[in-house]
């Protein structure tokens, strides 16, 4: 059986992409605003993942 093996970061990246698309479509009117809000949400998701990673690293060391 062959499965899809994703790292934690890749999984977070995929989640950020899909969630940002949904947020952009459902929270804004107009294509331009949807794309801008989706990009903003994506950046916030990835920024949060990176910040959480650094915080966990600092706590561990």
C-alpha atoms as a PDB file:
ATOM      1  CA  UNK A   1       0.000   0.000   0.000  1.00  0.00           C
ATOM      2  CA  UNK A   2       1.407   3.351  -1.021  1.00  0.00           C
ATOM      3  CA  UNK A   3       0.475   6.340   1.073  1.00  0.00           C
ATOM      4  CA  UNK A   4       1.071  10.016   0.946  1.00  0.00           C
ATOM      5  CA  UNK A   5       3.794  10.874   3.457  1.00  0.00           C
ATOM      6  CA  UNK A   6       3.745  14.562   4.326  1.00  0.00           C
ATOM      7  CA  UNK A   7       5.938  16.448   6.739  1.00  0.00           C
ATOM      8  CA  UNK A   8       4.351  18.633   9.384  1.00  0.00           C
ATOM      9  CA  UNK A   9       5.232  21.762   7.433  1.00  0.00           C
ATOM     10  CA  UNK A  10       3.804  20.389   4.186  1.00  0.00           C
ATOM     11  CA  UNK A  11       0.595  19.440   5.962  1.00  0.00           C
ATOM     12  CA  UNK A  12       0.346  22.938   7.453  1.00  0.00           C
ATOM     13  CA  UNK A  13       1.042  24.435   4.017  1.00  0.00           C
ATOM     14  CA  UNK A  14      -1.758  22.415   2.412  1.00  0.00           C
ATOM     15  CA  UNK A  15      -4.146  23.354   5.209  1.00  0.00           C
ATOM     16  CA  UNK A  16      -3.223  27.022   4.795  1.00  0.00           C
ATOM     17  CA  UNK A  17      -3.878  26.879   1.050  1.00  0.00           C
ATOM     18  CA  UNK A  18      -7.284  25.236   1.331  1.00  0.00           C
ATOM     19  CA  UNK A  19      -8.435  27.289   4.318  1.00  0.00           C
ATOM     20  CA  UNK A  20      -7.304  30.540   2.667  1.00  0.00           C
ATOM     21  CA  UNK A  21      -9.237  29.723  -0.500  1.00  0.00           C
ATOM     22  CA  UNK A  22     -12.382  29.032   1.516  1.00  0.00           C
ATOM     23  CA  UNK A  23     -11.943  32.150   3.650  1.00  0.00           C
ATOM     24  CA  UNK A  24     -11.348  34.328   0.595  1.00  0.00           C
ATOM     25  CA  UNK A  25     -14.428  33.022  -1.219  1.00  0.00           C
ATOM     26  CA  UNK A  26     -16.788  33.130   1.750  1.00  0.00           C
ATOM     27  CA  UNK A  27     -15.686  36.326   3.488  1.00  0.00           C
ATOM     28  CA  UNK A  28     -15.311  38.873   0.679  1.00  0.00           C
ATOM     29  CA  UNK A  29     -17.292  40.143  -2.306  1.00  0.00           C
ATOM     30  CA  UNK A  30     -15.554  40.624  -5.633  1.00  0.00           C
ATOM     31  CA  UNK A  31     -12.715  38.641  -7.143  1.00  0.00           C
ATOM     32  CA  UNK A  32      -9.967  41.136  -6.314  1.00  0.00           C
ATOM     33  CA  UNK A  33     -10.953  41.353  -2.636  1.00  0.00           C
ATOM     34  CA  UNK A  34     -11.273  37.561  -2.420  1.00  0.00           C
ATOM     35  CA  UNK A  35      -7.769  37.024  -3.782  1.00  0.00           C
ATOM     36  CA  UNK A  36      -6.266  39.698  -1.540  1.00  0.00           C
ATOM     37  CA  UNK A  37      -7.975  38.342   1.586  1.00  0.00           C
ATOM     38  CA  UNK A  38      -7.026  34.762   0.683  1.00  0.00           C
ATOM     39  CA  UNK A  39      -3.392  35.806   0.273  1.00  0.00           C
ATOM     40  CA  UNK A  40      -3.522  37.673   3.584  1.00  0.00           C
ATOM     41  CA  UNK A  41      -4.955  34.611   5.372  1.00  0.00           C
ATOM     42  CA  UNK A  42      -2.324  32.378   3.762  1.00  0.00           C
ATOM     43  CA  UNK A  43       0.468  34.674   4.951  1.00  0.00           C
ATOM     44  CA  UNK A  44      -0.980  34.747   8.472  1.00  0.00           C
ATOM     45  CA  UNK A  45      -1.289  30.943   8.583  1.00  0.00           C
ATOM     46  CA  UNK A  46       2.300  30.388   7.430  1.00  0.00           C
ATOM     47  CA  UNK A  47       3.605  33.162   9.684  1.00  0.00           C
ATOM     48  CA  UNK A  48       1.826  31.554  12.620  1.00  0.00           C
ATOM     49  CA  UNK A  49       3.298  28.139  11.799  1.00  0.00           C
ATOM     50  CA  UNK A  50       6.811  29.564  11.601  1.00  0.00           C
ATOM     51  CA  UNK A  51       6.366  31.594  14.803  1.00  0.00           C
ATOM     52  CA  UNK A  52       4.980  28.556  16.653  1.00  0.00           C
ATOM     53  CA  UNK A  53       7.900  26.470  15.414  1.00  0.00           C
ATOM     54  CA  UNK A  54      10.409  28.993  16.734  1.00  0.00           C
ATOM     55  CA  UNK A  55       8.602  29.251  20.070  1.00  0.00           C
ATOM     56  CA  UNK A  56       8.615  25.464  20.458  1.00  0.00           C
ATOM     57  CA  UNK A  57      12.305  25.363  19.544  1.00  0.00           C
ATOM     58  CA  UNK A  58      13.125  28.025  22.175  1.00  0.00           C
ATOM     59  CA  UNK A  59      11.125  26.159  24.833  1.00  0.00           C
ATOM     60  CA  UNK A  60      12.861  22.889  23.982  1.00  0.00           C
ATOM     61  CA  UNK A  61      16.380  24.351  24.099  1.00  0.00           C
END
